[in-house]
N, C-alpha and C. Protein backbone atom coordinates (compact mmCIF):
# COMPACT_ATOMS: atom_id res chain seq x y z
N MET A 1 127.41 25.52 83.35
CA MET A 1 127.09 24.17 82.90
C MET A 1 128.33 23.35 82.62
N THR A 2 129.49 24.01 82.44
CA THR A 2 130.72 23.25 82.19
C THR A 2 131.02 22.34 83.34
N GLY A 3 130.86 22.88 84.58
CA GLY A 3 131.09 22.07 85.76
C GLY A 3 130.11 20.92 85.84
N THR A 4 128.85 21.15 85.44
CA THR A 4 127.84 20.10 85.47
C THR A 4 128.19 18.98 84.50
N ARG A 5 128.70 19.36 83.31
CA ARG A 5 129.08 18.32 82.34
C ARG A 5 130.22 17.46 82.87
N ARG A 6 131.16 18.09 83.61
CA ARG A 6 132.27 17.30 84.15
C ARG A 6 131.77 16.31 85.19
N ARG A 7 130.73 16.68 85.93
CA ARG A 7 130.23 15.80 86.99
C ARG A 7 129.27 14.73 86.44
N THR A 8 128.78 14.90 85.21
CA THR A 8 127.85 13.94 84.65
C THR A 8 128.60 12.73 84.10
N PRO A 9 128.31 11.53 84.61
CA PRO A 9 129.03 10.36 84.11
C PRO A 9 128.61 10.03 82.68
N PRO A 10 129.44 9.34 81.94
CA PRO A 10 129.11 9.00 80.55
C PRO A 10 128.09 7.87 80.48
N GLY A 11 127.55 7.68 79.29
CA GLY A 11 126.68 6.53 79.04
C GLY A 11 125.29 6.69 79.63
N ARG A 12 124.65 5.53 79.87
CA ARG A 12 123.28 5.52 80.35
C ARG A 12 123.14 6.15 81.74
N ALA A 13 124.14 5.96 82.58
CA ALA A 13 124.07 6.54 83.94
C ALA A 13 124.00 8.06 83.86
N GLY A 14 124.82 8.63 82.96
CA GLY A 14 124.78 10.08 82.80
C GLY A 14 123.46 10.56 82.25
N ARG A 15 122.91 9.80 81.27
CA ARG A 15 121.62 10.18 80.70
C ARG A 15 120.52 10.12 81.76
N LEU A 16 120.53 9.10 82.59
CA LEU A 16 119.53 8.97 83.65
C LEU A 16 119.63 10.13 84.64
N ARG A 17 120.86 10.51 84.95
CA ARG A 17 121.03 11.63 85.88
C ARG A 17 120.50 12.93 85.27
N LEU A 18 120.81 13.17 84.00
CA LEU A 18 120.31 14.37 83.34
C LEU A 18 118.78 14.35 83.24
N ARG A 19 118.21 13.18 82.94
CA ARG A 19 116.76 13.07 82.86
C ARG A 19 116.12 13.39 84.21
N HIS A 20 116.74 12.87 85.28
CA HIS A 20 116.25 13.13 86.63
C HIS A 20 116.35 14.62 86.96
N ASN A 21 117.51 15.22 86.67
CA ASN A 21 117.69 16.65 86.95
C ASN A 21 116.68 17.51 86.17
N LEU A 22 116.42 17.13 84.93
CA LEU A 22 115.46 17.87 84.13
C LEU A 22 114.05 17.75 84.72
N ASP A 23 113.67 16.54 85.12
CA ASP A 23 112.34 16.33 85.72
C ASP A 23 112.19 17.15 87.00
N VAL A 24 113.25 17.15 87.81
CA VAL A 24 113.22 17.92 89.06
C VAL A 24 113.08 19.41 88.77
N ALA A 25 113.82 19.89 87.76
CA ALA A 25 113.76 21.31 87.42
C ALA A 25 112.38 21.70 86.90
N VAL A 26 111.78 20.86 86.07
CA VAL A 26 110.45 21.16 85.53
C VAL A 26 109.41 21.15 86.64
N ARG A 27 109.48 20.14 87.52
CA ARG A 27 108.53 20.11 88.65
C ARG A 27 108.73 21.31 89.56
N GLY A 28 109.99 21.68 89.78
CA GLY A 28 110.27 22.85 90.61
C GLY A 28 109.71 24.12 90.01
N ALA A 29 109.86 24.28 88.70
CA ALA A 29 109.32 25.46 88.03
C ALA A 29 107.79 25.49 88.12
N ASP A 30 107.16 24.31 87.95
CA ASP A 30 105.70 24.25 88.05
C ASP A 30 105.23 24.66 89.45
N LEU A 31 105.91 24.15 90.47
CA LEU A 31 105.54 24.48 91.85
C LEU A 31 105.76 25.95 92.14
N LEU A 32 106.87 26.49 91.65
CA LEU A 32 107.14 27.91 91.87
C LEU A 32 106.10 28.79 91.17
N GLU A 33 105.65 28.36 90.00
CA GLU A 33 104.62 29.13 89.30
C GLU A 33 103.30 29.10 90.06
N GLN A 34 102.97 27.96 90.67
CA GLN A 34 101.78 27.89 91.51
C GLN A 34 101.93 28.82 92.71
N LYS A 35 103.10 28.79 93.33
CA LYS A 35 103.36 29.69 94.46
C LYS A 35 103.26 31.14 94.02
N LEU A 36 103.79 31.44 92.85
CA LEU A 36 103.78 32.82 92.35
C LEU A 36 102.35 33.32 92.14
N ARG A 37 101.48 32.46 91.61
CA ARG A 37 100.09 32.86 91.41
C ARG A 37 99.42 33.18 92.75
N ILE A 38 99.66 32.35 93.73
CA ILE A 38 99.06 32.58 95.05
C ILE A 38 99.63 33.85 95.69
N LEU A 39 100.95 34.02 95.57
CA LEU A 39 101.59 35.20 96.14
C LEU A 39 101.09 36.49 95.49
N ARG A 40 100.92 36.45 94.17
CA ARG A 40 100.43 37.65 93.48
C ARG A 40 99.02 38.02 93.96
N SER A 41 98.19 37.01 94.13
CA SER A 41 96.83 37.27 94.62
C SER A 41 96.88 37.86 96.04
N GLU A 42 97.71 37.26 96.87
CA GLU A 42 97.84 37.77 98.24
C GLU A 42 98.43 39.17 98.26
N HIS A 43 99.38 39.41 97.38
CA HIS A 43 100.00 40.74 97.32
C HIS A 43 98.98 41.80 96.91
N GLN A 44 98.13 41.48 95.95
CA GLN A 44 97.09 42.43 95.54
C GLN A 44 96.14 42.72 96.70
N ARG A 45 95.78 41.68 97.44
CA ARG A 45 94.91 41.88 98.60
C ARG A 45 95.57 42.79 99.63
N LEU A 46 96.85 42.56 99.87
CA LEU A 46 97.58 43.37 100.85
C LEU A 46 97.76 44.81 100.37
N LEU A 47 97.95 44.99 99.07
CA LEU A 47 98.06 46.35 98.54
C LEU A 47 96.76 47.13 98.72
N HIS A 48 95.64 46.45 98.49
CA HIS A 48 94.35 47.11 98.71
C HIS A 48 94.15 47.45 100.19
N ALA A 49 94.56 46.51 101.06
CA ALA A 49 94.44 46.76 102.50
C ALA A 49 95.34 47.92 102.91
N GLU A 50 96.55 47.98 102.34
CA GLU A 50 97.46 49.08 102.64
C GLU A 50 96.87 50.42 102.20
N GLU A 51 96.29 50.43 100.99
CA GLU A 51 95.71 51.67 100.47
C GLU A 51 94.56 52.15 101.37
N ALA A 52 93.70 51.21 101.78
CA ALA A 52 92.58 51.58 102.64
C ALA A 52 93.06 52.06 104.00
N ALA A 53 94.07 51.38 104.56
CA ALA A 53 94.60 51.78 105.86
C ALA A 53 95.27 53.15 105.78
N GLY A 54 95.99 53.39 104.69
CA GLY A 54 96.64 54.69 104.53
C GLY A 54 95.63 55.81 104.40
N ARG A 55 94.56 55.55 103.68
CA ARG A 55 93.52 56.56 103.51
C ARG A 55 92.85 56.87 104.85
N ALA A 56 92.56 55.81 105.62
CA ALA A 56 91.94 56.02 106.93
C ALA A 56 92.86 56.81 107.86
N TRP A 57 94.15 56.46 107.84
CA TRP A 57 95.11 57.17 108.71
C TRP A 57 95.19 58.65 108.34
N ARG A 58 95.29 58.95 107.06
CA ARG A 58 95.41 60.35 106.65
C ARG A 58 94.16 61.16 107.01
N GLU A 59 92.99 60.54 106.87
CA GLU A 59 91.76 61.24 107.23
C GLU A 59 91.70 61.52 108.73
N LEU A 60 92.05 60.52 109.53
CA LEU A 60 92.02 60.70 110.99
C LEU A 60 93.08 61.69 111.44
N LEU A 61 94.25 61.65 110.81
CA LEU A 61 95.30 62.60 111.17
C LEU A 61 94.87 64.03 110.84
N SER A 62 94.24 64.21 109.69
CA SER A 62 93.77 65.54 109.31
C SER A 62 92.73 66.06 110.31
N GLU A 63 91.84 65.16 110.72
CA GLU A 63 90.84 65.55 111.71
C GLU A 63 91.50 65.96 113.03
N ALA A 64 92.48 65.16 113.46
CA ALA A 64 93.17 65.46 114.72
C ALA A 64 93.92 66.78 114.63
N GLU A 65 94.55 67.04 113.50
CA GLU A 65 95.29 68.30 113.35
C GLU A 65 94.35 69.50 113.34
N ASP A 66 93.18 69.32 112.77
CA ASP A 66 92.19 70.42 112.78
C ASP A 66 91.79 70.75 114.21
N TRP A 67 91.49 69.73 115.01
CA TRP A 67 91.11 69.98 116.41
C TRP A 67 92.26 70.58 117.19
N LEU A 68 93.48 70.12 116.91
CA LEU A 68 94.64 70.66 117.62
C LEU A 68 94.82 72.14 117.30
N LEU A 69 94.66 72.49 116.04
CA LEU A 69 94.80 73.89 115.65
C LEU A 69 93.76 74.74 116.37
N ARG A 70 92.53 74.26 116.46
CA ARG A 70 91.49 75.01 117.18
C ARG A 70 91.86 75.17 118.65
N GLY A 71 92.37 74.07 119.22
CA GLY A 71 92.75 74.14 120.64
C GLY A 71 93.87 75.12 120.88
N LEU A 72 94.85 75.16 119.95
CA LEU A 72 95.96 76.10 120.10
C LEU A 72 95.48 77.54 119.94
N LEU A 73 94.55 77.76 119.03
CA LEU A 73 94.02 79.11 118.85
C LEU A 73 93.26 79.58 120.08
N LEU A 74 92.59 78.62 120.74
CA LEU A 74 91.80 78.99 121.92
C LEU A 74 92.66 79.14 123.17
N GLY A 75 93.66 78.24 123.34
CA GLY A 75 94.39 78.23 124.60
C GLY A 75 95.87 78.48 124.49
N GLY A 76 96.44 78.48 123.28
CA GLY A 76 97.86 78.68 123.13
C GLY A 76 98.66 77.42 123.41
N GLU A 77 99.99 77.52 123.20
CA GLU A 77 100.86 76.35 123.38
C GLU A 77 100.93 75.93 124.84
N GLY A 78 100.77 76.87 125.71
CA GLY A 78 100.79 76.53 127.13
C GLY A 78 99.68 75.57 127.50
N ALA A 79 98.50 75.76 126.91
CA ALA A 79 97.39 74.85 127.17
C ALA A 79 97.69 73.45 126.66
N LEU A 80 98.39 73.38 125.51
CA LEU A 80 98.75 72.07 124.95
C LEU A 80 99.77 71.38 125.84
N ASP A 81 100.78 72.12 126.29
CA ASP A 81 101.80 71.52 127.17
C ASP A 81 101.17 71.01 128.45
N SER A 82 100.24 71.78 129.00
CA SER A 82 99.57 71.37 130.24
C SER A 82 98.73 70.13 130.02
N ALA A 83 98.03 70.08 128.87
CA ALA A 83 97.17 68.92 128.59
C ALA A 83 97.98 67.66 128.32
N ALA A 84 99.19 67.81 127.76
CA ALA A 84 100.02 66.65 127.42
C ALA A 84 100.83 66.13 128.59
N ALA A 85 100.95 66.90 129.64
CA ALA A 85 101.79 66.50 130.78
C ALA A 85 101.24 65.24 131.44
N GLY A 86 102.12 64.30 131.67
CA GLY A 86 101.75 63.08 132.37
C GLY A 86 101.14 62.00 131.51
N ILE A 87 100.95 62.24 130.21
CA ILE A 87 100.36 61.23 129.32
C ILE A 87 101.45 60.26 128.87
N GLY A 88 101.22 58.97 129.05
CA GLY A 88 102.21 57.96 128.67
C GLY A 88 102.16 57.64 127.19
N PRO A 89 103.19 56.95 126.69
CA PRO A 89 103.25 56.61 125.26
C PRO A 89 102.29 55.46 124.92
N ALA A 90 101.89 55.44 123.70
CA ALA A 90 101.06 54.33 123.22
C ALA A 90 101.93 53.09 123.03
N GLU A 91 101.31 51.92 123.12
CA GLU A 91 102.02 50.67 122.93
C GLU A 91 101.39 49.91 121.76
N VAL A 92 102.24 49.35 120.93
CA VAL A 92 101.77 48.63 119.73
C VAL A 92 102.33 47.21 119.76
N THR A 93 101.45 46.24 119.60
CA THR A 93 101.85 44.84 119.50
C THR A 93 101.52 44.34 118.10
N VAL A 94 102.52 43.81 117.42
CA VAL A 94 102.33 43.33 116.04
C VAL A 94 102.06 41.83 116.07
N HIS A 95 101.01 41.42 115.40
CA HIS A 95 100.68 40.00 115.25
C HIS A 95 101.16 39.54 113.88
N TRP A 96 101.88 38.42 113.86
CA TRP A 96 102.52 37.94 112.64
C TRP A 96 101.82 36.69 112.10
N THR A 97 101.95 36.49 110.82
CA THR A 97 101.46 35.29 110.17
C THR A 97 102.44 34.89 109.07
N VAL A 98 102.20 33.75 108.45
CA VAL A 98 103.06 33.24 107.36
C VAL A 98 102.18 32.92 106.16
N SER A 99 102.51 33.50 105.01
CA SER A 99 101.80 33.22 103.77
C SER A 99 102.79 32.68 102.75
N MET A 100 102.64 31.43 102.35
CA MET A 100 103.52 30.80 101.36
C MET A 100 104.99 30.98 101.74
N GLY A 101 105.28 30.78 103.03
CA GLY A 101 106.65 30.87 103.50
C GLY A 101 107.13 32.27 103.83
N VAL A 102 106.27 33.27 103.67
CA VAL A 102 106.66 34.65 103.94
C VAL A 102 106.06 35.10 105.27
N ARG A 103 106.90 35.45 106.21
CA ARG A 103 106.42 35.94 107.50
C ARG A 103 106.17 37.43 107.40
N HIS A 104 104.96 37.85 107.75
CA HIS A 104 104.61 39.26 107.63
C HIS A 104 103.55 39.62 108.66
N PRO A 105 103.39 40.92 108.95
CA PRO A 105 102.37 41.32 109.93
C PRO A 105 100.96 40.98 109.45
N ALA A 106 100.16 40.47 110.36
CA ALA A 106 98.76 40.18 110.05
C ALA A 106 97.83 41.21 110.67
N GLY A 107 98.34 41.98 111.60
CA GLY A 107 97.52 42.98 112.27
C GLY A 107 98.27 43.53 113.47
N VAL A 108 97.67 44.49 114.13
CA VAL A 108 98.30 45.10 115.30
C VAL A 108 97.25 45.31 116.38
N ALA A 109 97.72 45.36 117.61
CA ALA A 109 96.90 45.75 118.75
C ALA A 109 97.55 46.98 119.35
N THR A 110 96.81 48.07 119.41
CA THR A 110 97.35 49.35 119.89
C THR A 110 96.67 49.74 121.19
N SER A 111 97.49 50.06 122.16
CA SER A 111 96.97 50.50 123.46
C SER A 111 97.36 51.95 123.68
N VAL A 112 96.36 52.82 123.72
CA VAL A 112 96.58 54.24 124.00
C VAL A 112 96.18 54.49 125.45
N PRO A 113 97.11 54.90 126.28
CA PRO A 113 96.81 55.04 127.72
C PRO A 113 95.77 56.13 127.99
N ASP A 114 94.94 55.87 128.98
CA ASP A 114 93.99 56.89 129.42
C ASP A 114 94.72 57.99 130.17
N ARG A 115 94.08 59.11 130.23
CA ARG A 115 94.64 60.24 130.98
C ARG A 115 94.66 59.89 132.47
N PRO A 116 95.83 60.02 133.12
CA PRO A 116 95.89 59.75 134.57
C PRO A 116 94.99 60.70 135.35
N LEU A 117 94.49 60.20 136.46
CA LEU A 117 93.61 61.04 137.29
C LEU A 117 94.35 62.26 137.82
N THR A 118 95.67 62.12 137.96
CA THR A 118 96.46 63.24 138.51
C THR A 118 96.81 64.28 137.45
N ALA A 119 96.59 63.95 136.18
CA ALA A 119 96.95 64.89 135.11
C ALA A 119 95.87 65.95 134.95
N ALA A 120 96.31 67.13 134.55
CA ALA A 120 95.37 68.23 134.36
C ALA A 120 94.52 67.98 133.12
N ALA A 121 93.25 68.30 133.20
CA ALA A 121 92.35 68.14 132.05
C ALA A 121 92.64 69.23 131.04
N PRO A 122 92.40 68.95 129.74
CA PRO A 122 92.57 69.99 128.72
C PRO A 122 91.74 71.22 129.07
N SER A 123 92.28 72.38 128.76
CA SER A 123 91.64 73.63 129.16
C SER A 123 90.50 74.05 128.24
N ASN A 124 90.34 73.39 127.09
CA ASN A 124 89.22 73.72 126.22
C ASN A 124 88.72 72.47 125.51
N THR A 125 87.51 72.55 125.00
CA THR A 125 86.86 71.39 124.37
C THR A 125 87.60 70.93 123.12
N ALA A 126 88.18 71.89 122.39
CA ALA A 126 88.88 71.51 121.16
C ALA A 126 90.05 70.58 121.47
N LEU A 127 90.77 70.82 122.56
CA LEU A 127 91.88 69.95 122.93
C LEU A 127 91.38 68.58 123.39
N VAL A 128 90.20 68.54 123.99
CA VAL A 128 89.60 67.25 124.35
C VAL A 128 89.33 66.43 123.09
N HIS A 129 88.73 67.09 122.10
CA HIS A 129 88.47 66.41 120.82
C HIS A 129 89.79 66.02 120.13
N ALA A 130 90.80 66.89 120.23
CA ALA A 130 92.10 66.60 119.61
C ALA A 130 92.73 65.36 120.24
N GLU A 131 92.62 65.25 121.56
CA GLU A 131 93.20 64.09 122.24
C GLU A 131 92.55 62.79 121.77
N ALA A 132 91.23 62.79 121.68
CA ALA A 132 90.53 61.59 121.22
C ALA A 132 90.85 61.30 119.75
N ALA A 133 90.92 62.36 118.94
CA ALA A 133 91.20 62.17 117.51
C ALA A 133 92.60 61.64 117.28
N TYR A 134 93.56 62.13 118.06
CA TYR A 134 94.93 61.63 117.91
C TYR A 134 95.04 60.18 118.36
N ALA A 135 94.25 59.80 119.35
CA ALA A 135 94.26 58.39 119.77
C ALA A 135 93.79 57.50 118.63
N ARG A 136 92.74 57.94 117.93
CA ARG A 136 92.27 57.17 116.77
C ARG A 136 93.30 57.18 115.65
N ALA A 137 93.95 58.32 115.46
CA ALA A 137 94.97 58.42 114.40
C ALA A 137 96.17 57.53 114.69
N VAL A 138 96.55 57.42 115.97
CA VAL A 138 97.68 56.55 116.34
C VAL A 138 97.35 55.10 116.01
N ARG A 139 96.14 54.68 116.35
CA ARG A 139 95.73 53.30 116.03
C ARG A 139 95.75 53.07 114.51
N ALA A 140 95.23 54.06 113.78
CA ALA A 140 95.21 53.93 112.32
C ALA A 140 96.62 53.92 111.75
N ALA A 141 97.52 54.70 112.33
CA ALA A 141 98.91 54.74 111.86
C ALA A 141 99.58 53.38 112.06
N ALA A 142 99.31 52.74 113.19
CA ALA A 142 99.89 51.42 113.44
C ALA A 142 99.35 50.39 112.45
N GLU A 143 98.06 50.47 112.17
CA GLU A 143 97.47 49.54 111.21
C GLU A 143 98.04 49.77 109.80
N TYR A 144 98.23 51.02 109.46
CA TYR A 144 98.80 51.33 108.15
C TYR A 144 100.24 50.83 108.05
N ALA A 145 101.02 51.04 109.11
CA ALA A 145 102.41 50.58 109.11
C ALA A 145 102.48 49.07 108.94
N ALA A 146 101.60 48.35 109.63
CA ALA A 146 101.59 46.89 109.52
C ALA A 146 101.18 46.46 108.11
N ALA A 147 100.17 47.13 107.56
CA ALA A 147 99.71 46.79 106.20
C ALA A 147 100.80 47.08 105.17
N HIS A 148 101.50 48.20 105.36
CA HIS A 148 102.58 48.56 104.43
C HIS A 148 103.71 47.54 104.50
N ALA A 149 104.09 47.14 105.71
CA ALA A 149 105.17 46.16 105.87
C ALA A 149 104.78 44.82 105.25
N ALA A 150 103.53 44.40 105.47
CA ALA A 150 103.07 43.12 104.90
C ALA A 150 103.12 43.15 103.38
N ALA A 151 102.64 44.24 102.79
CA ALA A 151 102.65 44.36 101.33
C ALA A 151 104.08 44.36 100.79
N GLU A 152 104.99 45.02 101.49
CA GLU A 152 106.39 45.06 101.03
C GLU A 152 107.04 43.68 101.11
N LEU A 153 106.83 42.97 102.21
CA LEU A 153 107.46 41.66 102.40
C LEU A 153 106.95 40.65 101.38
N VAL A 154 105.64 40.61 101.19
CA VAL A 154 105.08 39.67 100.21
C VAL A 154 105.47 40.10 98.79
N GLY A 155 105.50 41.41 98.54
CA GLY A 155 105.93 41.90 97.23
C GLY A 155 107.36 41.50 96.91
N ALA A 156 108.23 41.55 97.91
CA ALA A 156 109.62 41.14 97.69
C ALA A 156 109.70 39.65 97.36
N GLU A 157 108.85 38.85 98.00
CA GLU A 157 108.85 37.41 97.70
C GLU A 157 108.29 37.15 96.30
N VAL A 158 107.34 37.95 95.85
CA VAL A 158 106.83 37.83 94.49
C VAL A 158 107.97 38.04 93.49
N ILE A 159 108.75 39.09 93.71
CA ILE A 159 109.87 39.38 92.80
C ILE A 159 110.90 38.25 92.82
N SER A 160 111.24 37.78 94.03
CA SER A 160 112.23 36.72 94.15
C SER A 160 111.76 35.43 93.47
N THR A 161 110.49 35.08 93.69
CA THR A 161 109.96 33.86 93.09
C THR A 161 109.88 33.98 91.57
N ARG A 162 109.50 35.16 91.07
CA ARG A 162 109.45 35.37 89.62
C ARG A 162 110.83 35.21 89.00
N HIS A 163 111.86 35.73 89.66
CA HIS A 163 113.23 35.59 89.15
C HIS A 163 113.65 34.12 89.11
N ARG A 164 113.26 33.37 90.13
CA ARG A 164 113.63 31.94 90.17
C ARG A 164 112.93 31.17 89.06
N VAL A 165 111.66 31.49 88.82
CA VAL A 165 110.94 30.82 87.74
C VAL A 165 111.60 31.14 86.40
N ARG A 166 111.95 32.40 86.18
CA ARG A 166 112.58 32.80 84.91
C ARG A 166 113.92 32.10 84.74
N ALA A 167 114.68 32.01 85.82
CA ALA A 167 115.98 31.34 85.73
C ALA A 167 115.82 29.88 85.33
N LEU A 168 114.81 29.23 85.89
CA LEU A 168 114.57 27.83 85.53
C LEU A 168 114.07 27.69 84.10
N ARG A 169 113.06 28.48 83.74
CA ARG A 169 112.43 28.34 82.43
C ARG A 169 113.33 28.79 81.29
N ARG A 170 114.09 29.87 81.52
CA ARG A 170 114.85 30.47 80.42
C ARG A 170 116.29 29.97 80.34
N HIS A 171 116.82 29.45 81.43
CA HIS A 171 118.24 29.09 81.43
C HIS A 171 118.47 27.63 81.81
N TRP A 172 118.09 27.29 83.04
CA TRP A 172 118.46 25.98 83.56
C TRP A 172 117.80 24.83 82.79
N ILE A 173 116.48 24.91 82.58
CA ILE A 173 115.77 23.83 81.89
C ILE A 173 116.24 23.69 80.44
N PRO A 174 116.36 24.80 79.66
CA PRO A 174 116.87 24.65 78.29
C PRO A 174 118.27 24.04 78.23
N ARG A 175 119.13 24.41 79.18
CA ARG A 175 120.48 23.85 79.17
C ARG A 175 120.46 22.37 79.49
N LEU A 176 119.62 21.98 80.45
CA LEU A 176 119.51 20.56 80.76
C LEU A 176 118.98 19.78 79.55
N ARG A 177 118.03 20.35 78.83
CA ARG A 177 117.50 19.69 77.64
C ARG A 177 118.56 19.56 76.56
N GLU A 178 119.39 20.60 76.41
CA GLU A 178 120.48 20.51 75.44
C GLU A 178 121.46 19.41 75.83
N GLU A 179 121.79 19.35 77.09
CA GLU A 179 122.72 18.30 77.55
C GLU A 179 122.11 16.93 77.36
N LEU A 180 120.80 16.81 77.65
CA LEU A 180 120.14 15.53 77.49
C LEU A 180 120.12 15.12 76.02
N ASP A 181 119.88 16.07 75.13
CA ASP A 181 119.91 15.77 73.69
C ASP A 181 121.30 15.29 73.27
N ARG A 182 122.34 15.97 73.79
CA ARG A 182 123.71 15.55 73.47
C ARG A 182 123.99 14.16 74.02
N ALA A 183 123.49 13.89 75.22
CA ALA A 183 123.71 12.57 75.83
C ALA A 183 122.99 11.50 75.03
N ASP A 184 121.75 11.80 74.57
CA ASP A 184 121.01 10.84 73.75
C ASP A 184 121.76 10.54 72.45
N LEU A 185 122.27 11.61 71.82
CA LEU A 185 123.00 11.43 70.57
C LEU A 185 124.28 10.63 70.78
N ALA A 186 125.00 10.95 71.86
CA ALA A 186 126.25 10.22 72.14
C ALA A 186 125.96 8.76 72.44
N LEU A 187 124.87 8.51 73.20
CA LEU A 187 124.52 7.13 73.53
C LEU A 187 124.10 6.37 72.29
N GLU A 188 123.32 7.01 71.43
CA GLU A 188 122.90 6.37 70.18
C GLU A 188 124.10 6.06 69.29
N GLN A 189 125.05 7.00 69.22
CA GLN A 189 126.25 6.78 68.41
C GLN A 189 127.09 5.66 68.99
N ALA A 190 127.22 5.64 70.31
CA ALA A 190 128.02 4.58 70.95
C ALA A 190 127.39 3.22 70.72
N GLU A 191 126.06 3.16 70.82
CA GLU A 191 125.38 1.88 70.60
C GLU A 191 125.52 1.44 69.14
N HIS A 192 125.47 2.42 68.22
CA HIS A 192 125.65 2.07 66.80
C HIS A 192 127.05 1.54 66.55
N GLU A 193 128.04 2.24 67.11
CA GLU A 193 129.43 1.78 66.94
C GLU A 193 129.63 0.41 67.55
N ASP A 194 129.01 0.18 68.70
CA ASP A 194 129.14 -1.12 69.36
C ASP A 194 128.49 -2.21 68.51
N SER A 195 127.36 -1.88 67.87
CA SER A 195 126.69 -2.85 66.99
C SER A 195 127.55 -3.18 65.78
N VAL A 196 128.18 -2.14 65.23
CA VAL A 196 129.05 -2.37 64.07
C VAL A 196 130.22 -3.25 64.47
N ARG A 197 130.82 -2.98 65.64
CA ARG A 197 131.96 -3.82 66.09
C ARG A 197 131.53 -5.27 66.30
N ARG A 198 130.32 -5.47 66.84
CA ARG A 198 129.86 -6.84 67.06
C ARG A 198 129.66 -7.57 65.73
N ARG A 199 129.11 -6.84 64.75
CA ARG A 199 128.91 -7.48 63.44
C ARG A 199 130.25 -7.84 62.81
N TRP A 200 131.23 -6.93 62.89
CA TRP A 200 132.55 -7.24 62.34
C TRP A 200 133.17 -8.42 63.08
N ALA A 201 132.99 -8.41 64.41
CA ALA A 201 133.57 -9.52 65.20
C ALA A 201 132.92 -10.84 64.81
N ALA A 202 131.59 -10.82 64.57
CA ALA A 202 130.89 -12.03 64.18
C ALA A 202 131.35 -12.52 62.81
N ARG A 203 131.56 -11.61 61.87
CA ARG A 203 132.02 -11.99 60.54
C ARG A 203 133.44 -12.57 60.60
N THR A 204 134.26 -11.92 61.41
CA THR A 204 135.64 -12.41 61.53
C THR A 204 135.67 -13.81 62.12
N THR A 205 134.84 -14.03 63.13
CA THR A 205 134.78 -15.37 63.75
C THR A 205 134.28 -16.40 62.76
N ALA A 206 133.25 -16.03 62.02
CA ALA A 206 132.68 -16.96 61.03
C ALA A 206 133.66 -17.25 59.91
N GLY A 207 134.49 -16.26 59.50
CA GLY A 207 135.46 -16.49 58.43
C GLY A 207 136.57 -17.38 58.91
């Protein structure tokens, strides 16, 4: 604030500038608090979505692992290697949105490739079920990852906005009010001194 005091001109001009700065700071804090309320609500929604997506992914992954274990017990690792040969990777496309200035994932589109006609079919039914279950688990994993990223990004903005509100309410606004009070007192004293000088000047002229 020392630097701010040096830049503040004396007299009424300085008081007007301080009054303007204080009004801007108060309006800014009010707007940030409105933003913070909306962000907190959105963050809670995203946390619930993340929790649900994580639960769905873990359930589907457990199901897929159970089928895989059965398939391995029935056909061995060789059957798994044969069934996996020629299968391409899944593709994930992330769709983005903006909430209160925060860009975050809004959802995903996951493409799990079909088994090529030239690829060997799984040697047992358990591996067939495992393949389908893992496809569902991959989609769920992508949805969970997007939900987790969205919750983290909005959560970080909640923290940042809360810090800015605290800085304004606890530090910047009180300091501006103190400076404005000092400016009011200095202006009142200057006007009083000027009035006294005018009265003395009037008496001297009259004498």
